Amino acid sequence: MFVELMPLLAGRTVLITVAKVDDKTLRVNVIPTQAKADENPALTTPLTFTGLPEELDAELGKHLAGYVQTHQQTTSTLAEAKATLEAAAKAAQEEAKRKAEERKKATQKALATATPASSARAETVPASAWTGTLGLFPTTTPEPATTQSKGGLAL
């Protein structure tokens, strides 16, 4: 039983409790403790065996070996998933940073090419032409349309 637990004990403490259920039956709990504060709670899932002492003597070692193997696979899978997610997040951040730099360069280039043309155009417009409307509205107001009567209806 303890040989099978050794790989699990390499990275964490394991609590084992044994309780008598009735005159012939025992319950064994194998509880791995949390190794790190940010560790996934799935790695601390307890394992419980209930049976006759003879059955526990014969079978507990095999079940513990399978439990430890599954625990190690889960640990490895979680570590791989975490590394993959971290790499994806880093790549996404780098891509966003690259795009932001490209937009910044494009904006600076557009401003650099637009600024000389704007200042040259501003110099060619006489000051007396300024209407205060920035060309959005006409400088003269249209005359109201005249209405003509035709048979009592206004057109």
C-alpha atoms as a PDB file:
ATOM      1  CA  MET A   1       0.000   0.000   0.000  1.00  0.00           C
ATOM      2  CA  PHE A   2       2.744   2.487   0.891  1.00  0.00           C
ATOM      3  CA  VAL A   3       4.843   1.639  -2.158  1.00  0.00           C
ATOM      4  CA  GLU A   4       1.886   2.652  -4.334  1.00  0.00           C
ATOM      5  CA  LEU A   5       1.525   5.946  -2.425  1.00  0.00           C
ATOM      6  CA  MET A   6       5.168   6.994  -2.827  1.00  0.00           C
ATOM      7  CA  PRO A   7       4.710   8.870  -6.150  1.00  0.00           C
ATOM      8  CA  LEU A   8       1.832  10.848  -4.636  1.00  0.00           C
ATOM      9  CA  LEU A   9       3.811  11.548  -1.473  1.00  0.00           C
ATOM     10  CA  ALA A  10       6.619  13.064  -3.534  1.00  0.00           C
ATOM     11  CA  GLY A  11       4.720  16.343  -3.938  1.00  0.00           C
ATOM     12  CA  ARG A  12       2.213  16.469  -1.099  1.00  0.00           C
ATOM     13  CA  THR A  13       1.088  15.114   2.230  1.00  0.00           C
ATOM     14  CA  VAL A  14      -1.531  12.355   2.215  1.00  0.00           C
ATOM     15  CA  LEU A  15      -3.851  11.783   5.149  1.00  0.00           C
ATOM     16  CA  ILE A  16      -5.115   8.258   5.753  1.00  0.00           C
ATOM     17  CA  THR A  17      -7.982   7.516   8.100  1.00  0.00           C
ATOM     18  CA  VAL A  18      -9.373   4.123   9.010  1.00  0.00           C
ATOM     19  CA  ALA A  19     -12.767   3.719  10.638  1.00  0.00           C
ATOM     20  CA  LYS A  20     -14.777   0.703  11.697  1.00  0.00           C
ATOM     21  CA  VAL A  21     -18.170   0.723   9.944  1.00  0.00           C
ATOM     22  CA  ASP A  22     -19.609  -2.370  11.649  1.00  0.00           C
ATOM     23  CA  ASP A  23     -18.327  -5.599  13.194  1.00  0.00           C
ATOM     24  CA  LYS A  24     -16.832  -6.856   9.897  1.00  0.00           C
ATOM     25  CA  THR A  25     -16.320  -3.771   7.716  1.00  0.00           C
ATOM     26  CA  LEU A  26     -13.682  -1.031   7.617  1.00  0.00           C
ATOM     27  CA  ARG A  27     -13.594   2.279   5.746  1.00  0.00           C
ATOM     28  CA  VAL A  28     -10.227   3.674   4.575  1.00  0.00           C
ATOM     29  CA  ASN A  29     -10.002   7.293   3.411  1.00  0.00           C
ATOM     30  CA  VAL A  30      -6.984   8.506   1.433  1.00  0.00           C
ATOM     31  CA  ILE A  31      -6.973  12.316   1.324  1.00  0.00           C
ATOM     32  CA  PRO A  32      -4.254  14.212  -0.566  1.00  0.00           C
ATOM     33  CA  THR A  33      -3.663  17.680   0.869  1.00  0.00           C
ATOM     34  CA  GLN A  34      -3.279  20.837  -1.179  1.00  0.00           C
ATOM     35  CA  ALA A  35       0.345  21.303  -2.250  1.00  0.00           C
ATOM     36  CA  LYS A  36       0.039  24.998  -3.253  1.00  0.00           C
ATOM     37  CA  ALA A  37      -2.484  27.699  -2.406  1.00  0.00           C
ATOM     38  CA  ASP A  38      -3.503  28.182  -6.069  1.00  0.00           C
ATOM     39  CA  GLU A  39      -3.691  24.461  -6.845  1.00  0.00           C
ATOM     40  CA  ASN A  40      -6.778  23.061  -8.540  1.00  0.00           C
ATOM     41  CA  PRO A  41      -9.139  21.497  -5.963  1.00  0.00           C
ATOM     42  CA  ALA A  42      -9.532  18.404  -8.174  1.00  0.00           C
ATOM     43  CA  LEU A  43      -6.079  17.336  -6.999  1.00  0.00           C
ATOM     44  CA  THR A  44      -7.303  17.042  -3.415  1.00  0.00           C
ATOM     45  CA  THR A  45     -10.207  14.693  -4.162  1.00  0.00           C
ATOM     46  CA  PRO A  46     -10.290  12.010  -1.480  1.00  0.00           C
ATOM     47  CA  LEU A  47     -10.561   8.299  -2.171  1.00  0.00           C
ATOM     48  CA  THR A  48     -12.626   5.999   0.064  1.00  0.00           C
ATOM     49  CA  PHE A  49     -12.519   2.194   0.258  1.00  0.00           C
ATOM     50  CA  THR A  50     -14.993   0.168   2.262  1.00  0.00           C
ATOM     51  CA  GLY A  51     -14.729  -3.580   2.763  1.00  0.00           C
ATOM     52  CA  LEU A  52     -13.687  -6.490   4.913  1.00  0.00           C
ATOM     53  CA  PRO A  53     -10.150  -6.304   6.295  1.00  0.00           C
ATOM     54  CA  GLU A  54      -9.152  -9.268   4.096  1.00  0.00           C
ATOM     55  CA  GLU A  55     -10.525  -7.519   0.973  1.00  0.00           C
ATOM     56  CA  LEU A  56      -8.713  -4.312   1.831  1.00  0.00           C
ATOM     57  CA  ASP A  57      -5.466  -6.223   2.347  1.00  0.00           C
ATOM     58  CA  ALA A  58      -5.834  -7.904  -1.050  1.00  0.00           C
ATOM     59  CA  GLU A  59      -7.219  -5.029  -3.162  1.00  0.00           C
ATOM     60  CA  LEU A  60      -6.239  -1.700  -1.618  1.00  0.00           C
ATOM     61  CA  GLY A  61      -2.752  -1.633  -3.180  1.00  0.00           C
ATOM     62  CA  LYS A  62      -4.081  -2.084  -6.743  1.00  0.00           C
ATOM     63  CA  HIS A  63      -6.740   0.598  -6.262  1.00  0.00           C
ATOM     64  CA  LEU A  64      -4.215   3.014  -4.761  1.00  0.00           C
ATOM     65  CA  ALA A  65      -1.851   2.471  -7.696  1.00  0.00           C
ATOM     66  CA  GLY A  66      -4.642   3.358 -10.136  1.00  0.00           C
ATOM     67  CA  TYR A  67      -5.649   6.361  -8.037  1.00  0.00           C
ATOM     68  CA  VAL A  68      -2.071   7.671  -7.888  1.00  0.00           C
ATOM     69  CA  GLN A  69      -1.647   7.187 -11.657  1.00  0.00           C
ATOM     70  CA  THR A  70      -4.886   9.079 -12.355  1.00  0.00           C
ATOM     71  CA  HIS A  71      -3.824  11.805  -9.929  1.00  0.00           C
ATOM     72  CA  GLN A  72      -0.496  12.223 -11.703  1.00  0.00           C
ATOM     73  CA  GLN A  73      -2.180  12.322 -15.133  1.00  0.00           C
ATOM     74  CA  THR A  74      -4.597  14.970 -13.871  1.00  0.00           C
ATOM     75  CA  THR A  75      -1.710  17.004 -12.490  1.00  0.00           C
ATOM     76  CA  SER A  76       0.123  16.750 -15.819  1.00  0.00           C
ATOM     77  CA  THR A  77      -2.988  17.602 -17.852  1.00  0.00           C
ATOM     78  CA  LEU A  78      -3.754  20.628 -15.679  1.00  0.00           C
ATOM     79  CA  ALA A  79      -0.159  21.841 -15.980  1.00  0.00           C
ATOM     80  CA  GLU A  80      -0.245  21.430 -19.774  1.00  0.00           C
ATOM     81  CA  ALA A  81      -3.586  23.239 -20.017  1.00  0.00           C
ATOM     82  CA  LYS A  82      -2.296  26.078 -17.855  1.00  0.00           C
ATOM     83  CA  ALA A  83       0.866  26.397 -19.969  1.00  0.00           C
ATOM     84  CA  THR A  84      -1.187  26.369 -23.184  1.00  0.00           C
ATOM     85  CA  LEU A  85      -3.548  29.041 -21.862  1.00  0.00           C
ATOM     86  CA  GLU A  86      -0.663  31.207 -20.686  1.00  0.00           C
ATOM     87  CA  ALA A  87       1.053  30.890 -24.079  1.00  0.00           C
ATOM     88  CA  ALA A  88      -2.191  31.755 -25.893  1.00  0.00           C
ATOM     89  CA  ALA A  89      -2.764  34.764 -23.646  1.00  0.00           C
ATOM     90  CA  LYS A  90       0.808  35.959 -24.220  1.00  0.00           C
ATOM     91  CA  ALA A  91       0.441  35.544 -27.993  1.00  0.00           C
ATOM     92  CA  ALA A  92      -2.857  37.448 -27.952  1.00  0.00           C
ATOM     93  CA  GLN A  93      -1.296  40.273 -25.939  1.00  0.00           C
ATOM     94  CA  GLU A  94       1.657  40.471 -28.319  1.00  0.00           C
ATOM     95  CA  GLU A  95      -0.687  40.480 -31.330  1.00  0.00           C
ATOM     96  CA  ALA A  96      -2.794  43.260 -29.801  1.00  0.00           C
ATOM     97  CA  LYS A  97       0.352  45.252 -29.021  1.00  0.00           C
ATOM     98  CA  ARG A  98       1.640  44.782 -32.575  1.00  0.00           C
ATOM     99  CA  LYS A  99      -1.676  45.909 -34.076  1.00  0.00           C
ATOM    100  CA  ALA A 100      -1.797  48.927 -31.771  1.00  0.00           C
ATOM    101  CA  GLU A 101       1.720  49.907 -32.874  1.00  0.00           C
ATOM    102  CA  GLU A 102       0.741  49.487 -36.525  1.00  0.00           C
ATOM    103  CA  ARG A 103      -2.332  51.704 -36.028  1.00  0.00           C
ATOM    104  CA  LYS A 104      -0.214  54.275 -34.224  1.00  0.00           C
ATOM    105  CA  LYS A 105       2.338  54.318 -37.059  1.00  0.00           C
ATOM    106  CA  ALA A 106      -0.427  54.565 -39.677  1.00  0.00           C
ATOM    107  CA  THR A 107      -2.034  57.459 -37.778  1.00  0.00           C
ATOM    108  CA  GLN A 108       1.296  59.263 -37.430  1.00  0.00           C
ATOM    109  CA  LYS A 109       1.993  58.741 -41.138  1.00  0.00           C
ATOM    110  CA  ALA A 110      -1.469  60.053 -42.075  1.00  0.00           C
ATOM    111  CA  LEU A 111      -1.006  63.083 -39.823  1.00  0.00           C
ATOM    112  CA  ALA A 112       2.446  63.730 -41.256  1.00  0.00           C
ATOM    113  CA  THR A 113       1.167  63.687 -44.823  1.00  0.00           C
ATOM    114  CA  ALA A 114      -2.049  65.608 -44.042  1.00  0.00           C
ATOM    115  CA  THR A 115      -0.503  68.420 -41.966  1.00  0.00           C
ATOM    116  CA  PRO A 116       1.528  70.155 -44.747  1.00  0.00           C
ATOM    117  CA  ALA A 117      -1.424  70.084 -47.150  1.00  0.00           C
ATOM    118  CA  SER A 118      -3.770  71.542 -44.542  1.00  0.00           C
ATOM    119  CA  SER A 119      -1.442  74.390 -43.644  1.00  0.00           C
ATOM    120  CA  ALA A 120      -0.820  75.205 -47.312  1.00  0.00           C
ATOM    121  CA  ARG A 121      -4.546  75.273 -47.996  1.00  0.00           C
ATOM    122  CA  ALA A 122      -5.179  77.473 -44.989  1.00  0.00           C
ATOM    123  CA  GLU A 123      -2.684  79.994 -46.286  1.00  0.00           C
ATOM    124  CA  THR A 124      -4.409  80.257 -49.661  1.00  0.00           C
ATOM    125  CA  VAL A 125      -7.850  81.042 -48.219  1.00  0.00           C
ATOM    126  CA  PRO A 126      -8.238  84.805 -47.674  1.00  0.00           C
ATOM    127  CA  ALA A 127      -9.203  85.887 -44.195  1.00  0.00           C
ATOM    128  CA  SER A 128     -12.223  87.818 -45.538  1.00  0.00           C
ATOM    129  CA  ALA A 129     -13.777  84.553 -46.764  1.00  0.00           C
ATOM    130  CA  TRP A 130     -14.238  83.221 -43.278  1.00  0.00           C
ATOM    131  CA  THR A 131     -17.919  82.651 -42.523  1.00  0.00           C
ATOM    132  CA  GLY A 132     -17.609  80.839 -39.242  1.00  0.00           C
ATOM    133  CA  THR A 133     -19.457  77.784 -40.554  1.00  0.00           C
ATOM    134  CA  LEU A 134     -16.476  75.738 -41.737  1.00  0.00           C
ATOM    135  CA  GLY A 135     -18.215  75.160 -45.080  1.00  0.00           C
ATOM    136  CA  LEU A 136     -21.023  73.116 -43.583  1.00  0.00           C
ATOM    137  CA  PHE A 137     -23.764  75.640 -44.328  1.00  0.00           C
ATOM    138  CA  PRO A 138     -24.208  78.113 -47.182  1.00  0.00           C
ATOM    139  CA  THR A 139     -23.342  81.739 -46.431  1.00  0.00           C
ATOM    140  CA  THR A 140     -26.630  82.994 -47.818  1.00  0.00           C
ATOM    141  CA  THR A 141     -30.050  81.966 -46.671  1.00  0.00           C
ATOM    142  CA  PRO A 142     -32.480  80.879 -49.360  1.00  0.00           C
ATOM    143  CA  GLU A 143     -35.538  82.967 -50.021  1.00  0.00           C
ATOM    144  CA  PRO A 144     -38.797  81.396 -48.913  1.00  0.00           C
ATOM    145  CA  ALA A 145     -40.708  79.795 -51.757  1.00  0.00           C
ATOM    146  CA  THR A 146     -43.644  81.746 -53.029  1.00  0.00           C
ATOM    147  CA  THR A 147     -47.007  80.145 -52.997  1.00  0.00           C
ATOM    148  CA  GLN A 148     -49.327  80.365 -55.927  1.00  0.00           C
ATOM    149  CA  SER A 149     -53.035  79.825 -55.694  1.00  0.00           C
ATOM    150  CA  LYS A 150     -54.731  77.540 -58.108  1.00  0.00           C
ATOM    151  CA  GLY A 151     -58.369  77.004 -57.491  1.00  0.00           C
ATOM    152  CA  GLY A 152     -58.093  77.671 -53.784  1.00  0.00           C
ATOM    153  CA  LEU A 153     -55.237  75.255 -53.126  1.00  0.00           C
ATOM    154  CA  ALA A 154     -51.782  76.487 -52.278  1.00  0.00           C
ATOM    155  CA  LEU A 155     -48.943  74.858 -54.119  1.00  0.00           C
END
